Amino acid sequence: MFSIDTSKFDEFLEAEKQRQLAMMEVSKMIGVDVTFSDKEIIRNAEEKFSKYVSEEVNKWMKSALSLI
């Protein structure tokens, strides 16, 4: 049975939010805004989730094909 853990997206989004907090601190220290927009934060999480899904599909396909 093939399934995708959709809670992974929440993990990736939370990691991006934490990254944003770190970038805010860097911005304060260097006096230059190096933060991400909300759209960039979501896009980054989506890209990581997409990669995760692709890897899971590849694992499943290899497993399924090995049974043939």
PDB file of N, CA and C in Angstrom:
ATOM      1  N   MET A   1       0.835  -1.184   0.000  1.00  0.00           N
ATOM      2  CA  MET A   1       0.000   0.000   0.000  1.00  0.00           C
ATOM      3  C   MET A   1       0.876   1.243   0.000  1.00  0.00           C
ATOM      4  N   PHE A   2       0.522   2.168  -0.821  1.00  0.00           N
ATOM      5  CA  PHE A   2       1.282   3.408  -0.960  1.00  0.00           C
ATOM      6  C   PHE A   2       0.567   4.539  -0.235  1.00  0.00           C
ATOM      7  N   SER A   3       1.295   5.277   0.567  1.00  0.00           N
ATOM      8  CA  SER A   3       0.699   6.447   1.224  1.00  0.00           C
ATOM      9  C   SER A   3       1.769   7.514   1.429  1.00  0.00           C
ATOM     10  N   ILE A   4       1.319   8.738   1.494  1.00  0.00           N
ATOM     11  CA  ILE A   4       2.203   9.877   1.711  1.00  0.00           C
ATOM     12  C   ILE A   4       1.828  10.507   3.050  1.00  0.00           C
ATOM     13  N   ASP A   5       2.824  10.778   3.852  1.00  0.00           N
ATOM     14  CA  ASP A   5       2.622  11.424   5.147  1.00  0.00           C
ATOM     15  C   ASP A   5       2.485  12.926   4.920  1.00  0.00           C
ATOM     16  N   THR A   6       1.237  13.393   4.842  1.00  0.00           N
ATOM     17  CA  THR A   6       1.006  14.809   4.557  1.00  0.00           C
ATOM     18  C   THR A   6       1.410  15.724   5.714  1.00  0.00           C
ATOM     19  N   SER A   7       1.604  15.172   6.891  1.00  0.00           N
ATOM     20  CA  SER A   7       2.061  15.997   8.005  1.00  0.00           C
ATOM     21  C   SER A   7       3.497  16.480   7.776  1.00  0.00           C
ATOM     22  N   LYS A   8       4.187  15.841   6.841  1.00  0.00           N
ATOM     23  CA  LYS A   8       5.541  16.286   6.487  1.00  0.00           C
ATOM     24  C   LYS A   8       5.526  17.717   5.988  1.00  0.00           C
ATOM     25  N   PHE A   9       4.444  18.111   5.268  1.00  0.00           N
ATOM     26  CA  PHE A   9       4.371  19.489   4.785  1.00  0.00           C
ATOM     27  C   PHE A   9       4.395  20.453   5.963  1.00  0.00           C
ATOM     28  N   ASP A  10       3.654  20.137   7.015  1.00  0.00           N
ATOM     29  CA  ASP A  10       3.643  20.989   8.203  1.00  0.00           C
ATOM     30  C   ASP A  10       5.035  21.088   8.819  1.00  0.00           C
ATOM     31  N   GLU A  11       5.768  19.979   8.810  1.00  0.00           N
ATOM     32  CA  GLU A  11       7.142  19.988   9.322  1.00  0.00           C
ATOM     33  C   GLU A  11       8.028  20.895   8.481  1.00  0.00           C
ATOM     34  N   PHE A  12       7.912  20.779   7.167  1.00  0.00           N
ATOM     35  CA  PHE A  12       8.716  21.620   6.281  1.00  0.00           C
ATOM     36  C   PHE A  12       8.352  23.095   6.436  1.00  0.00           C
ATOM     37  N   LEU A  13       7.058  23.382   6.584  1.00  0.00           N
ATOM     38  CA  LEU A  13       6.611  24.758   6.759  1.00  0.00           C
ATOM     39  C   LEU A  13       7.128  25.328   8.076  1.00  0.00           C
ATOM     40  N   GLU A  14       7.072  24.535   9.124  1.00  0.00           N
ATOM     41  CA  GLU A  14       7.584  24.982  10.421  1.00  0.00           C
ATOM     42  C   GLU A  14       9.090  25.251  10.344  1.00  0.00           C
ATOM     43  N   ALA A  15       9.821  24.402   9.650  1.00  0.00           N
ATOM     44  CA  ALA A  15      11.264  24.613   9.481  1.00  0.00           C
ATOM     45  C   ALA A  15      11.532  25.921   8.738  1.00  0.00           C
ATOM     46  N   GLU A  16      10.712  26.220   7.732  1.00  0.00           N
ATOM     47  CA  GLU A  16      10.875  27.470   6.985  1.00  0.00           C
ATOM     48  C   GLU A  16      10.554  28.679   7.861  1.00  0.00           C
ATOM     49  N   LYS A  17       9.574  28.548   8.744  1.00  0.00           N
ATOM     50  CA  LYS A  17       9.246  29.642   9.656  1.00  0.00           C
ATOM     51  C   LYS A  17      10.394  29.882  10.634  1.00  0.00           C
ATOM     52  N   GLN A  18      11.005  28.802  11.114  1.00  0.00           N
ATOM     53  CA  GLN A  18      12.164  28.933  12.000  1.00  0.00           C
ATOM     54  C   GLN A  18      13.338  29.574  11.269  1.00  0.00           C
ATOM     55  N   ARG A  19      13.499  29.194  10.015  1.00  0.00           N
ATOM     56  CA  ARG A  19      14.550  29.791   9.178  1.00  0.00           C
ATOM     57  C   ARG A  19      14.298  31.298   9.036  1.00  0.00           C
ATOM     58  N   GLN A  20      13.039  31.670   8.862  1.00  0.00           N
ATOM     59  CA  GLN A  20      12.674  33.077   8.742  1.00  0.00           C
ATOM     60  C   GLN A  20      13.054  33.847  10.007  1.00  0.00           C
ATOM     61  N   LEU A  21      12.790  33.252  11.162  1.00  0.00           N
ATOM     62  CA  LEU A  21      13.163  33.909  12.420  1.00  0.00           C
ATOM     63  C   LEU A  21      14.673  34.135  12.504  1.00  0.00           C
ATOM     64  N   ALA A  22      15.428  33.135  12.078  1.00  0.00           N
ATOM     65  CA  ALA A  22      16.891  33.271  12.072  1.00  0.00           C
ATOM     66  C   ALA A  22      17.328  34.369  11.100  1.00  0.00           C
ATOM     67  N   MET A  23      16.675  34.432   9.949  1.00  0.00           N
ATOM     68  CA  MET A  23      17.032  35.454   8.962  1.00  0.00           C
ATOM     69  C   MET A  23      16.674  36.860   9.470  1.00  0.00           C
ATOM     70  N   MET A  24      15.628  36.961  10.271  1.00  0.00           N
ATOM     71  CA  MET A  24      15.274  38.254  10.860  1.00  0.00           C
ATOM     72  C   MET A  24      16.374  38.729  11.802  1.00  0.00           C
ATOM     73  N   GLU A  25      16.931  37.790  12.568  1.00  0.00           N
ATOM     74  CA  GLU A  25      18.034  38.127  13.468  1.00  0.00           C
ATOM     75  C   GLU A  25      19.264  38.573  12.679  1.00  0.00           C
ATOM     76  N   VAL A  26      19.567  37.858  11.606  1.00  0.00           N
ATOM     77  CA  VAL A  26      20.704  38.225  10.754  1.00  0.00           C
ATOM     78  C   VAL A  26      20.479  39.622  10.172  1.00  0.00           C
ATOM     79  N   SER A  27      19.255  39.868   9.714  1.00  0.00           N
ATOM     80  CA  SER A  27      18.917  41.172   9.139  1.00  0.00           C
ATOM     81  C   SER A  27      19.175  42.298  10.141  1.00  0.00           C
ATOM     82  N   LYS A  28      18.790  42.073  11.397  1.00  0.00           N
ATOM     83  CA  LYS A  28      19.014  43.081  12.439  1.00  0.00           C
ATOM     84  C   LYS A  28      20.505  43.326  12.645  1.00  0.00           C
ATOM     85  N   MET A  29      21.297  42.248  12.612  1.00  0.00           N
ATOM     86  CA  MET A  29      22.733  42.372  12.865  1.00  0.00           C
ATOM     87  C   MET A  29      23.458  43.094  11.733  1.00  0.00           C
ATOM     88  N   ILE A  30      23.073  42.810  10.493  1.00  0.00           N
ATOM     89  CA  ILE A  30      23.817  43.393   9.365  1.00  0.00           C
ATOM     90  C   ILE A  30      23.153  44.634   8.779  1.00  0.00           C
ATOM     91  N   GLY A  31      21.938  44.933   9.227  1.00  0.00           N
ATOM     92  CA  GLY A  31      21.264  46.130   8.754  1.00  0.00           C
ATOM     93  C   GLY A  31      20.733  46.040   7.336  1.00  0.00           C
ATOM     94  N   VAL A  32      20.576  44.818   6.840  1.00  0.00           N
ATOM     95  CA  VAL A  32      20.048  44.589   5.494  1.00  0.00           C
ATOM     96  C   VAL A  32      18.963  43.528   5.599  1.00  0.00           C
ATOM     97  N   ASP A  33      17.839  43.763   4.925  1.00  0.00           N
ATOM     98  CA  ASP A  33      16.736  42.798   4.981  1.00  0.00           C
ATOM     99  C   ASP A  33      17.056  41.588   4.103  1.00  0.00           C
ATOM    100  N   VAL A  34      17.255  40.444   4.755  1.00  0.00           N
ATOM    101  CA  VAL A  34      17.521  39.194   4.027  1.00  0.00           C
ATOM    102  C   VAL A  34      16.438  38.164   4.334  1.00  0.00           C
ATOM    103  N   THR A  35      15.280  38.655   4.765  1.00  0.00           N
ATOM    104  CA  THR A  35      14.169  37.769   5.093  1.00  0.00           C
ATOM    105  C   THR A  35      13.438  37.339   3.832  1.00  0.00           C
ATOM    106  N   PHE A  36      12.538  36.381   4.000  1.00  0.00           N
ATOM    107  CA  PHE A  36      11.755  35.852   2.890  1.00  0.00           C
ATOM    108  C   PHE A  36      10.326  36.389   2.979  1.00  0.00           C
ATOM    109  N   SER A  37       9.686  36.523   1.835  1.00  0.00           N
ATOM    110  CA  SER A  37       8.268  36.888   1.842  1.00  0.00           C
ATOM    111  C   SER A  37       7.462  35.655   2.250  1.00  0.00           C
ATOM    112  N   ASP A  38       6.202  35.874   2.610  1.00  0.00           N
ATOM    113  CA  ASP A  38       5.334  34.748   2.965  1.00  0.00           C
ATOM    114  C   ASP A  38       5.219  33.768   1.796  1.00  0.00           C
ATOM    115  N   LYS A  39       5.148  34.297   0.582  1.00  0.00           N
ATOM    116  CA  LYS A  39       5.065  33.440  -0.607  1.00  0.00           C
ATOM    117  C   LYS A  39       6.314  32.593  -0.764  1.00  0.00           C
ATOM    118  N   GLU A  40       7.477  33.184  -0.492  1.00  0.00           N
ATOM    119  CA  GLU A  40       8.730  32.428  -0.596  1.00  0.00           C
ATOM    120  C   GLU A  40       8.798  31.330   0.457  1.00  0.00           C
ATOM    121  N   ILE A  41       8.320  31.620   1.658  1.00  0.00           N
ATOM    122  CA  ILE A  41       8.324  30.625   2.735  1.00  0.00           C
ATOM    123  C   ILE A  41       7.469  29.428   2.325  1.00  0.00           C
ATOM    124  N   ILE A  42       6.279  29.700   1.815  1.00  0.00           N
ATOM    125  CA  ILE A  42       5.384  28.621   1.388  1.00  0.00           C
ATOM    126  C   ILE A  42       5.973  27.883   0.199  1.00  0.00           C
ATOM    127  N   ARG A  43       6.523  28.616  -0.767  1.00  0.00           N
ATOM    128  CA  ARG A  43       7.123  27.973  -1.935  1.00  0.00           C
ATOM    129  C   ARG A  43       8.279  27.051  -1.531  1.00  0.00           C
ATOM    130  N   ASN A  44       9.112  27.494  -0.605  1.00  0.00           N
ATOM    131  CA  ASN A  44      10.218  26.660  -0.137  1.00  0.00           C
ATOM    132  C   ASN A  44       9.704  25.379   0.515  1.00  0.00           C
ATOM    133  N   ALA A  45       8.666  25.511   1.342  1.00  0.00           N
ATOM    134  CA  ALA A  45       8.077  24.326   1.987  1.00  0.00           C
ATOM    135  C   ALA A  45       7.465  23.405   0.938  1.00  0.00           C
ATOM    136  N   GLU A  46       6.797  23.976  -0.060  1.00  0.00           N
ATOM    137  CA  GLU A  46       6.205  23.175  -1.131  1.00  0.00           C
ATOM    138  C   GLU A  46       7.271  22.428  -1.930  1.00  0.00           C
ATOM    139  N   GLU A  47       8.389  23.102  -2.196  1.00  0.00           N
ATOM    140  CA  GLU A  47       9.476  22.451  -2.936  1.00  0.00           C
ATOM    141  C   GLU A  47      10.051  21.277  -2.147  1.00  0.00           C
ATOM    142  N   LYS A  48      10.240  21.466  -0.854  1.00  0.00           N
ATOM    143  CA  LYS A  48      10.762  20.382  -0.023  1.00  0.00           C
ATOM    144  C   LYS A  48       9.762  19.230   0.060  1.00  0.00           C
ATOM    145  N   PHE A  49       8.467  19.565   0.165  1.00  0.00           N
ATOM    146  CA  PHE A  49       7.441  18.526   0.214  1.00  0.00           C
ATOM    147  C   PHE A  49       7.380  17.780  -1.114  1.00  0.00           C
ATOM    148  N   SER A  50       7.494  18.498  -2.198  1.00  0.00           N
ATOM    149  CA  SER A  50       7.487  17.886  -3.528  1.00  0.00           C
ATOM    150  C   SER A  50       8.651  16.904  -3.673  1.00  0.00           C
ATOM    151  N   LYS A  51       9.812  17.299  -3.190  1.00  0.00           N
ATOM    152  CA  LYS A  51      10.980  16.411  -3.241  1.00  0.00           C
ATOM    153  C   LYS A  51      10.732  15.168  -2.379  1.00  0.00           C
ATOM    154  N   TYR A  52      10.158  15.371  -1.206  1.00  0.00           N
ATOM    155  CA  TYR A  52       9.834  14.249  -0.322  1.00  0.00           C
ATOM    156  C   TYR A  52       8.881  13.274  -1.019  1.00  0.00           C
ATOM    157  N   VAL A  53       7.806  13.811  -1.627  1.00  0.00           N
ATOM    158  CA  VAL A  53       6.830  12.968  -2.314  1.00  0.00           C
ATOM    159  C   VAL A  53       7.501  12.205  -3.446  1.00  0.00           C
ATOM    160  N   SER A  54       8.328  12.880  -4.210  1.00  0.00           N
ATOM    161  CA  SER A  54       9.035  12.235  -5.321  1.00  0.00           C
ATOM    162  C   SER A  54       9.908  11.082  -4.823  1.00  0.00           C
ATOM    163  N   GLU A  55      10.623  11.308  -3.737  1.00  0.00           N
ATOM    164  CA  GLU A  55      11.475  10.256  -3.170  1.00  0.00           C
ATOM    165  C   GLU A  55      10.638   9.075  -2.688  1.00  0.00           C
ATOM    166  N   GLU A  56       9.499   9.358  -2.058  1.00  0.00           N
ATOM    167  CA  GLU A  56       8.632   8.288  -1.577  1.00  0.00           C
ATOM    168  C   GLU A  56       8.034   7.488  -2.742  1.00  0.00           C
ATOM    169  N   VAL A  57       7.648   8.178  -3.798  1.00  0.00           N
ATOM    170  CA  VAL A  57       7.106   7.494  -4.981  1.00  0.00           C
ATOM    171  C   VAL A  57       8.184   6.609  -5.599  1.00  0.00           C
ATOM    172  N   ASN A  58       9.410   7.147  -5.692  1.00  0.00           N
ATOM    173  CA  ASN A  58      10.515   6.343  -6.243  1.00  0.00           C
ATOM    174  C   ASN A  58      10.769   5.091  -5.414  1.00  0.00           C
ATOM    175  N   LYS A  59      10.762   5.235  -4.096  1.00  0.00           N
ATOM    176  CA  LYS A  59      10.959   4.071  -3.222  1.00  0.00           C
ATOM    177  C   LYS A  59       9.857   3.040  -3.446  1.00  0.00           C
ATOM    178  N   TRP A  60       8.612   3.520  -3.522  1.00  0.00           N
ATOM    179  CA  TRP A  60       7.480   2.640  -3.714  1.00  0.00           C
ATOM    180  C   TRP A  60       7.569   1.937  -5.056  1.00  0.00           C
ATOM    181  N   MET A  61       7.920   2.681  -6.111  1.00  0.00           N
ATOM    182  CA  MET A  61       8.030   2.087  -7.448  1.00  0.00           C
ATOM    183  C   MET A  61       9.114   1.007  -7.474  1.00  0.00           C
ATOM    184  N   LYS A  62      10.255   1.297  -6.864  1.00  0.00           N
ATOM    185  CA  LYS A  62      11.334   0.292  -6.829  1.00  0.00           C
ATOM    186  C   LYS A  62      10.871  -0.946  -6.076  1.00  0.00           C
ATOM    187  N   SER A  63      10.177  -0.748  -4.986  1.00  0.00           N
ATOM    188  CA  SER A  63       9.679  -1.862  -4.201  1.00  0.00           C
ATOM    189  C   SER A  63       8.647  -2.669  -5.004  1.00  0.00           C
ATOM    190  N   ALA A  64       7.734  -1.963  -5.651  1.00  0.00           N
ATOM    191  CA  ALA A  64       6.690  -2.629  -6.428  1.00  0.00           C
ATOM    192  C   ALA A  64       7.272  -3.391  -7.610  1.00  0.00           C
ATOM    193  N   LEU A  65       8.263  -2.788  -8.258  1.00  0.00           N
ATOM    194  CA  LEU A  65       8.866  -3.438  -9.420  1.00  0.00           C
ATOM    195  C   LEU A  65       9.725  -4.638  -9.027  1.00  0.00           C
ATOM    196  N   SER A  66      10.256  -4.627  -7.811  1.00  0.00           N
ATOM    197  CA  SER A  66      11.063  -5.756  -7.371  1.00  0.00           C
ATOM    198  C   SER A  66      10.207  -7.001  -7.121  1.00  0.00           C
ATOM    199  N   LEU A  67       8.901  -6.787  -6.968  1.00  0.00           N
ATOM    200  CA  LEU A  67       7.992  -7.908  -6.728  1.00  0.00           C
ATOM    201  C   LEU A  67       7.603  -8.612  -8.026  1.00  0.00           C
ATOM    202  N   ILE A  68       7.862  -7.959  -9.143  1.00  0.00           N
ATOM    203  CA  ILE A  68       7.469  -8.529 -10.450  1.00  0.00           C
ATOM    204  C   ILE A  68       8.480  -9.556 -10.887  1.00  0.00           C
TER     205      ILE A  68
END
